[in-house]
């Protein structure tokens, strides 16, 4: 099951990079950026997964040398990454709206040709 997470995360990152590089529509580029972000989040969570581990919430009486916990650092990093990704997406879409108002198009080929 964990191998499937790695395969899907690699696929999402590759699909996102393809959308960023190959598409000329700015909205599709922003969607590709978000897809790439989702793939990286899945990869971070998959790396931090320990089969058979429990949540790292305990008291001193419950802690034994045989305790096996899931690493909470990747989960915290992923939560931070989700918030940052939402902010980057919102900012990118607002820039796309401003470019659309200024130039009348969201095609990057036409925006590069315009000088003003």
N, C-alpha and C. Protein backbone atom coordinates (compact mmCIF):
# COMPACT_ATOMS: atom_id res chain seq x y z
N UNK A 1 0.81 -1.19 0.00
CA UNK A 1 0.00 0.00 0.00
C UNK A 1 0.86 1.26 0.00
N UNK A 2 1.95 1.24 0.74
CA UNK A 2 2.81 2.42 0.80
C UNK A 2 3.52 2.65 -0.55
N UNK A 3 3.78 1.56 -1.28
CA UNK A 3 4.37 1.70 -2.61
C UNK A 3 3.42 2.44 -3.54
N UNK A 4 2.13 2.18 -3.39
CA UNK A 4 1.14 2.88 -4.21
C UNK A 4 1.15 4.38 -3.92
N UNK A 5 1.36 4.76 -2.67
CA UNK A 5 1.46 6.19 -2.34
C UNK A 5 2.65 6.85 -3.05
N UNK A 6 3.78 6.14 -3.08
CA UNK A 6 4.96 6.68 -3.77
C UNK A 6 4.71 6.81 -5.27
N UNK A 7 4.05 5.84 -5.85
CA UNK A 7 3.75 5.88 -7.29
C UNK A 7 2.81 7.04 -7.61
N UNK A 8 1.76 7.19 -6.80
CA UNK A 8 0.79 8.26 -7.03
C UNK A 8 1.43 9.62 -6.80
N UNK A 9 2.27 9.76 -5.79
CA UNK A 9 2.93 11.04 -5.55
C UNK A 9 3.88 11.39 -6.69
N UNK A 10 4.61 10.40 -7.21
CA UNK A 10 5.48 10.66 -8.36
C UNK A 10 4.65 11.06 -9.57
N UNK A 11 3.50 10.39 -9.77
CA UNK A 11 2.62 10.74 -10.89
C UNK A 11 2.07 12.16 -10.75
N UNK A 12 1.65 12.54 -9.54
CA UNK A 12 1.11 13.88 -9.33
C UNK A 12 2.18 14.96 -9.54
N UNK A 13 3.38 14.71 -9.05
CA UNK A 13 4.46 15.68 -9.24
C UNK A 13 4.79 15.82 -10.72
N UNK A 14 4.85 14.70 -11.43
CA UNK A 14 5.15 14.73 -12.86
C UNK A 14 4.04 15.43 -13.64
N UNK A 15 2.79 15.13 -13.31
CA UNK A 15 1.66 15.78 -13.99
C UNK A 15 1.65 17.28 -13.71
N UNK A 16 1.93 17.67 -12.48
CA UNK A 16 1.98 19.08 -12.15
C UNK A 16 3.09 19.82 -12.89
N UNK A 17 4.27 19.21 -12.96
CA UNK A 17 5.38 19.83 -13.70
C UNK A 17 5.08 19.91 -15.19
N UNK A 18 4.40 18.90 -15.72
CA UNK A 18 4.00 18.95 -17.13
C UNK A 18 3.05 20.12 -17.37
N UNK A 19 2.08 20.29 -16.49
CA UNK A 19 1.13 21.40 -16.65
C UNK A 19 1.82 22.75 -16.53
N UNK A 20 2.79 22.85 -15.64
CA UNK A 20 3.50 24.12 -15.47
C UNK A 20 4.32 24.45 -16.71
N UNK A 21 4.98 23.45 -17.28
CA UNK A 21 5.90 23.70 -18.40
C UNK A 21 5.19 23.76 -19.74
N UNK A 22 4.24 22.87 -19.98
CA UNK A 22 3.69 22.70 -21.33
C UNK A 22 2.45 23.53 -21.63
N UNK A 23 1.74 23.99 -20.64
CA UNK A 23 0.49 24.71 -20.88
C UNK A 23 0.74 26.20 -20.97
N UNK A 24 -0.01 26.86 -21.85
CA UNK A 24 0.14 28.30 -22.05
C UNK A 24 -0.95 29.10 -21.35
N UNK A 25 -1.99 28.44 -20.89
CA UNK A 25 -3.05 29.09 -20.15
C UNK A 25 -2.60 29.26 -18.70
N UNK A 26 -2.69 30.47 -18.17
CA UNK A 26 -2.18 30.73 -16.82
C UNK A 26 -2.99 30.02 -15.74
N UNK A 27 -4.29 29.83 -15.95
CA UNK A 27 -5.10 29.11 -14.97
C UNK A 27 -4.66 27.65 -14.91
N UNK A 28 -4.37 27.06 -16.06
CA UNK A 28 -3.89 25.68 -16.08
C UNK A 28 -2.51 25.57 -15.43
N UNK A 29 -1.71 26.60 -15.57
CA UNK A 29 -0.40 26.62 -14.91
C UNK A 29 -0.55 26.66 -13.39
N UNK A 30 -1.49 27.45 -12.90
CA UNK A 30 -1.74 27.51 -11.46
C UNK A 30 -2.28 26.18 -10.96
N UNK A 31 -3.16 25.54 -11.73
CA UNK A 31 -3.67 24.22 -11.36
C UNK A 31 -2.53 23.21 -11.32
N UNK A 32 -1.62 23.27 -12.27
CA UNK A 32 -0.45 22.39 -12.27
C UNK A 32 0.43 22.61 -11.05
N UNK A 33 0.57 23.85 -10.63
CA UNK A 33 1.32 24.16 -9.42
C UNK A 33 0.67 23.53 -8.19
N UNK A 34 -0.65 23.58 -8.13
CA UNK A 34 -1.38 22.98 -7.00
C UNK A 34 -1.27 21.47 -7.02
N UNK A 35 -1.36 20.87 -8.20
CA UNK A 35 -1.24 19.41 -8.30
C UNK A 35 0.15 18.96 -7.86
N UNK A 36 1.16 19.69 -8.25
CA UNK A 36 2.53 19.37 -7.82
C UNK A 36 2.67 19.49 -6.31
N UNK A 37 2.02 20.49 -5.72
CA UNK A 37 2.03 20.65 -4.27
C UNK A 37 1.35 19.48 -3.58
N UNK A 38 0.23 18.99 -4.12
CA UNK A 38 -0.46 17.84 -3.53
C UNK A 38 0.42 16.59 -3.59
N UNK A 39 1.14 16.43 -4.68
CA UNK A 39 2.04 15.28 -4.80
C UNK A 39 3.17 15.32 -3.79
N UNK A 40 3.72 16.50 -3.56
CA UNK A 40 4.79 16.64 -2.57
C UNK A 40 4.25 16.37 -1.16
N UNK A 41 3.04 16.86 -0.88
CA UNK A 41 2.43 16.59 0.43
C UNK A 41 2.22 15.10 0.65
N UNK A 42 1.74 14.40 -0.37
CA UNK A 42 1.54 12.95 -0.25
C UNK A 42 2.87 12.24 -0.04
N UNK A 43 3.92 12.71 -0.71
CA UNK A 43 5.24 12.10 -0.55
C UNK A 43 5.77 12.31 0.88
N UNK A 44 5.60 13.50 1.42
CA UNK A 44 6.08 13.76 2.78
C UNK A 44 5.35 12.90 3.80
N UNK A 45 4.03 12.79 3.65
CA UNK A 45 3.25 11.96 4.57
C UNK A 45 3.64 10.49 4.42
N UNK A 46 3.87 10.04 3.20
CA UNK A 46 4.25 8.64 2.98
C UNK A 46 5.62 8.32 3.57
N UNK A 47 6.52 9.26 3.51
CA UNK A 47 7.85 9.04 4.09
C UNK A 47 7.76 8.92 5.60
N UNK A 48 6.89 9.71 6.23
CA UNK A 48 6.78 9.69 7.68
C UNK A 48 5.94 8.57 8.24
N UNK A 49 5.35 7.73 7.39
CA UNK A 49 4.47 6.66 7.86
C UNK A 49 5.28 5.48 8.38
N UNK A 50 4.88 4.95 9.53
CA UNK A 50 5.47 3.74 10.10
C UNK A 50 4.35 2.72 10.27
N UNK A 51 4.43 1.57 9.59
CA UNK A 51 3.36 0.59 9.76
C UNK A 51 3.33 0.05 11.19
N UNK A 52 2.16 0.03 11.77
CA UNK A 52 2.02 -0.46 13.13
C UNK A 52 2.28 0.59 14.20
N UNK A 53 2.63 1.79 13.81
CA UNK A 53 2.89 2.85 14.78
C UNK A 53 1.61 3.47 15.30
N UNK A 54 1.71 4.05 16.46
CA UNK A 54 0.56 4.73 17.06
C UNK A 54 0.82 6.22 17.10
N UNK A 55 -0.21 6.96 17.44
CA UNK A 55 -0.08 8.42 17.56
C UNK A 55 0.89 8.77 18.68
N UNK A 56 1.70 9.79 18.51
CA UNK A 56 2.69 10.14 19.54
C UNK A 56 2.08 10.94 20.68
N UNK A 57 0.95 10.47 21.19
CA UNK A 57 0.30 11.12 22.33
C UNK A 57 0.34 10.11 23.48
N UNK A 58 1.00 10.47 24.56
CA UNK A 58 1.18 9.52 25.66
C UNK A 58 1.41 10.27 26.96
N UNK A 59 1.29 9.54 28.05
CA UNK A 59 1.69 10.05 29.36
C UNK A 59 2.91 9.25 29.80
N UNK A 60 3.58 9.70 30.86
CA UNK A 60 4.80 9.02 31.28
C UNK A 60 4.53 7.60 31.75
N UNK A 61 3.33 7.33 32.26
CA UNK A 61 3.00 5.98 32.69
C UNK A 61 2.80 5.02 31.52
N UNK A 62 2.39 5.53 30.37
CA UNK A 62 2.16 4.69 29.20
C UNK A 62 3.43 4.44 28.40
N UNK A 63 4.45 5.22 28.60
CA UNK A 63 5.68 5.13 27.81
C UNK A 63 6.52 3.94 28.26
N UNK A 64 6.76 3.03 27.32
CA UNK A 64 7.60 1.87 27.58
C UNK A 64 8.69 1.81 26.52
N UNK A 65 9.74 1.04 26.75
CA UNK A 65 10.78 0.92 25.72
C UNK A 65 10.27 0.28 24.42
N UNK A 66 9.16 -0.46 24.49
CA UNK A 66 8.62 -1.10 23.29
C UNK A 66 7.64 -0.21 22.54
N UNK A 67 7.45 1.02 22.97
CA UNK A 67 6.50 1.92 22.31
C UNK A 67 7.03 2.28 20.93
N UNK A 68 6.11 2.25 19.97
CA UNK A 68 6.47 2.52 18.58
C UNK A 68 5.52 3.60 18.05
N UNK A 69 6.06 4.78 17.78
CA UNK A 69 5.24 5.92 17.39
C UNK A 69 5.50 6.32 15.95
N UNK A 70 4.51 6.97 15.38
CA UNK A 70 4.65 7.57 14.06
C UNK A 70 5.34 8.92 14.25
N UNK A 71 6.22 9.27 13.33
CA UNK A 71 6.96 10.53 13.43
C UNK A 71 6.01 11.71 13.17
N UNK A 72 5.86 12.64 14.11
CA UNK A 72 4.92 13.74 13.91
C UNK A 72 5.47 14.90 13.08
N UNK A 73 6.77 14.93 12.82
CA UNK A 73 7.37 16.05 12.09
C UNK A 73 6.84 16.14 10.64
N UNK A 74 6.80 15.04 9.87
CA UNK A 74 6.24 15.15 8.52
C UNK A 74 4.78 15.60 8.50
N UNK A 75 4.02 15.21 9.51
CA UNK A 75 2.63 15.64 9.57
C UNK A 75 2.54 17.15 9.80
N UNK A 76 3.38 17.66 10.68
CA UNK A 76 3.38 19.10 10.94
C UNK A 76 3.86 19.87 9.71
N UNK A 77 4.88 19.36 9.04
CA UNK A 77 5.36 20.01 7.82
C UNK A 77 4.30 20.02 6.73
N UNK A 78 3.54 18.93 6.62
CA UNK A 78 2.50 18.86 5.60
C UNK A 78 1.36 19.82 5.91
N UNK A 79 0.99 19.94 7.18
CA UNK A 79 -0.04 20.92 7.52
C UNK A 79 0.41 22.35 7.18
N UNK A 80 1.65 22.64 7.46
CA UNK A 80 2.19 23.95 7.09
C UNK A 80 2.22 24.12 5.59
N UNK A 81 2.58 23.08 4.87
CA UNK A 81 2.64 23.14 3.42
C UNK A 81 1.25 23.33 2.80
N UNK A 82 0.23 22.74 3.41
CA UNK A 82 -1.13 22.92 2.90
C UNK A 82 -1.56 24.38 3.02
N UNK A 83 -1.25 25.01 4.14
CA UNK A 83 -1.61 26.41 4.33
C UNK A 83 -0.84 27.30 3.35
N UNK A 84 0.44 27.04 3.20
CA UNK A 84 1.25 27.83 2.27
C UNK A 84 0.77 27.61 0.84
N UNK A 85 0.43 26.37 0.48
CA UNK A 85 -0.07 26.08 -0.86
C UNK A 85 -1.37 26.80 -1.16
N UNK A 86 -2.27 26.88 -0.18
CA UNK A 86 -3.52 27.61 -0.38
C UNK A 86 -3.26 29.09 -0.60
N UNK A 87 -2.33 29.65 0.16
CA UNK A 87 -1.99 31.06 0.00
C UNK A 87 -1.33 31.34 -1.36
N UNK A 88 -0.44 30.45 -1.77
CA UNK A 88 0.22 30.62 -3.08
C UNK A 88 -0.80 30.51 -4.21
N UNK A 89 -1.73 29.58 -4.09
CA UNK A 89 -2.77 29.44 -5.12
C UNK A 89 -3.64 30.68 -5.19
N UNK A 90 -4.05 31.20 -4.04
CA UNK A 90 -4.88 32.41 -4.02
C UNK A 90 -4.13 33.59 -4.62
N UNK A 91 -2.86 33.74 -4.25
CA UNK A 91 -2.07 34.85 -4.79
C UNK A 91 -1.85 34.71 -6.29
N UNK A 92 -1.60 33.49 -6.74
CA UNK A 92 -1.38 33.25 -8.17
C UNK A 92 -2.64 33.54 -8.97
N UNK A 93 -3.79 33.12 -8.45
CA UNK A 93 -5.05 33.39 -9.16
C UNK A 93 -5.38 34.88 -9.16
N UNK A 94 -5.02 35.60 -8.11
CA UNK A 94 -5.24 37.04 -8.13
C UNK A 94 -4.33 37.72 -9.16
N UNK A 95 -3.09 37.23 -9.29
CA UNK A 95 -2.20 37.77 -10.33
C UNK A 95 -2.72 37.46 -11.73
N UNK A 96 -3.30 36.27 -11.91
CA UNK A 96 -3.89 35.92 -13.20
C UNK A 96 -5.06 36.85 -13.52
N UNK A 97 -5.86 37.16 -12.50
CA UNK A 97 -6.97 38.09 -12.72
C UNK A 97 -6.48 39.47 -13.12
N UNK A 98 -5.43 39.94 -12.45
CA UNK A 98 -4.87 41.25 -12.79
C UNK A 98 -4.26 41.26 -14.20
N UNK A 99 -3.59 40.19 -14.56
CA UNK A 99 -3.04 40.09 -15.92
C UNK A 99 -4.16 40.06 -16.95
N UNK A 100 -5.24 39.38 -16.63
CA UNK A 100 -6.37 39.33 -17.54
C UNK A 100 -7.00 40.71 -17.71
N UNK A 101 -7.09 41.48 -16.64
CA UNK A 101 -7.62 42.84 -16.74
C UNK A 101 -6.68 43.75 -17.53
N UNK A 102 -5.38 43.60 -17.29
CA UNK A 102 -4.40 44.48 -17.93
C UNK A 102 -4.23 44.19 -19.42
N UNK A 103 -4.07 42.90 -19.76
CA UNK A 103 -3.74 42.53 -21.13
C UNK A 103 -4.92 41.98 -21.92
N UNK A 104 -6.00 41.60 -21.25
CA UNK A 104 -7.16 41.06 -21.96
C UNK A 104 -7.01 39.61 -22.35
N UNK A 105 -5.99 38.93 -21.88
CA UNK A 105 -5.77 37.52 -22.22
C UNK A 105 -5.03 36.85 -21.06
N UNK A 106 -5.15 35.52 -21.01
CA UNK A 106 -4.37 34.75 -20.02
C UNK A 106 -3.44 33.77 -20.71
N UNK A 107 -3.20 33.98 -21.99
CA UNK A 107 -2.27 33.15 -22.75
C UNK A 107 -0.87 33.74 -22.61
N UNK A 108 0.06 32.94 -22.12
CA UNK A 108 1.41 33.46 -21.87
C UNK A 108 2.13 33.86 -23.14
N UNK A 109 1.83 33.21 -24.26
CA UNK A 109 2.50 33.58 -25.51
C UNK A 109 2.11 34.98 -25.95
N UNK A 110 0.84 35.33 -25.78
CA UNK A 110 0.40 36.67 -26.17
C UNK A 110 0.88 37.74 -25.19
N UNK A 111 0.93 37.40 -23.91
CA UNK A 111 1.39 38.37 -22.91
C UNK A 111 2.87 38.69 -23.12
N UNK A 112 3.67 37.70 -23.51
CA UNK A 112 5.10 37.95 -23.76
C UNK A 112 5.31 38.86 -24.96
N UNK A 113 4.43 38.77 -25.97
CA UNK A 113 4.58 39.60 -27.16
C UNK A 113 4.18 41.05 -26.93
N UNK A 114 3.30 41.30 -25.95
CA UNK A 114 2.86 42.64 -25.68
C UNK A 114 3.93 43.40 -24.91
N UNK A 115 4.08 44.66 -25.21
CA UNK A 115 5.07 45.49 -24.54
C UNK A 115 4.40 46.72 -23.93
N UNK A 116 3.57 46.55 -22.94
CA UNK A 116 2.93 47.73 -22.39
C UNK A 116 1.91 47.39 -21.43
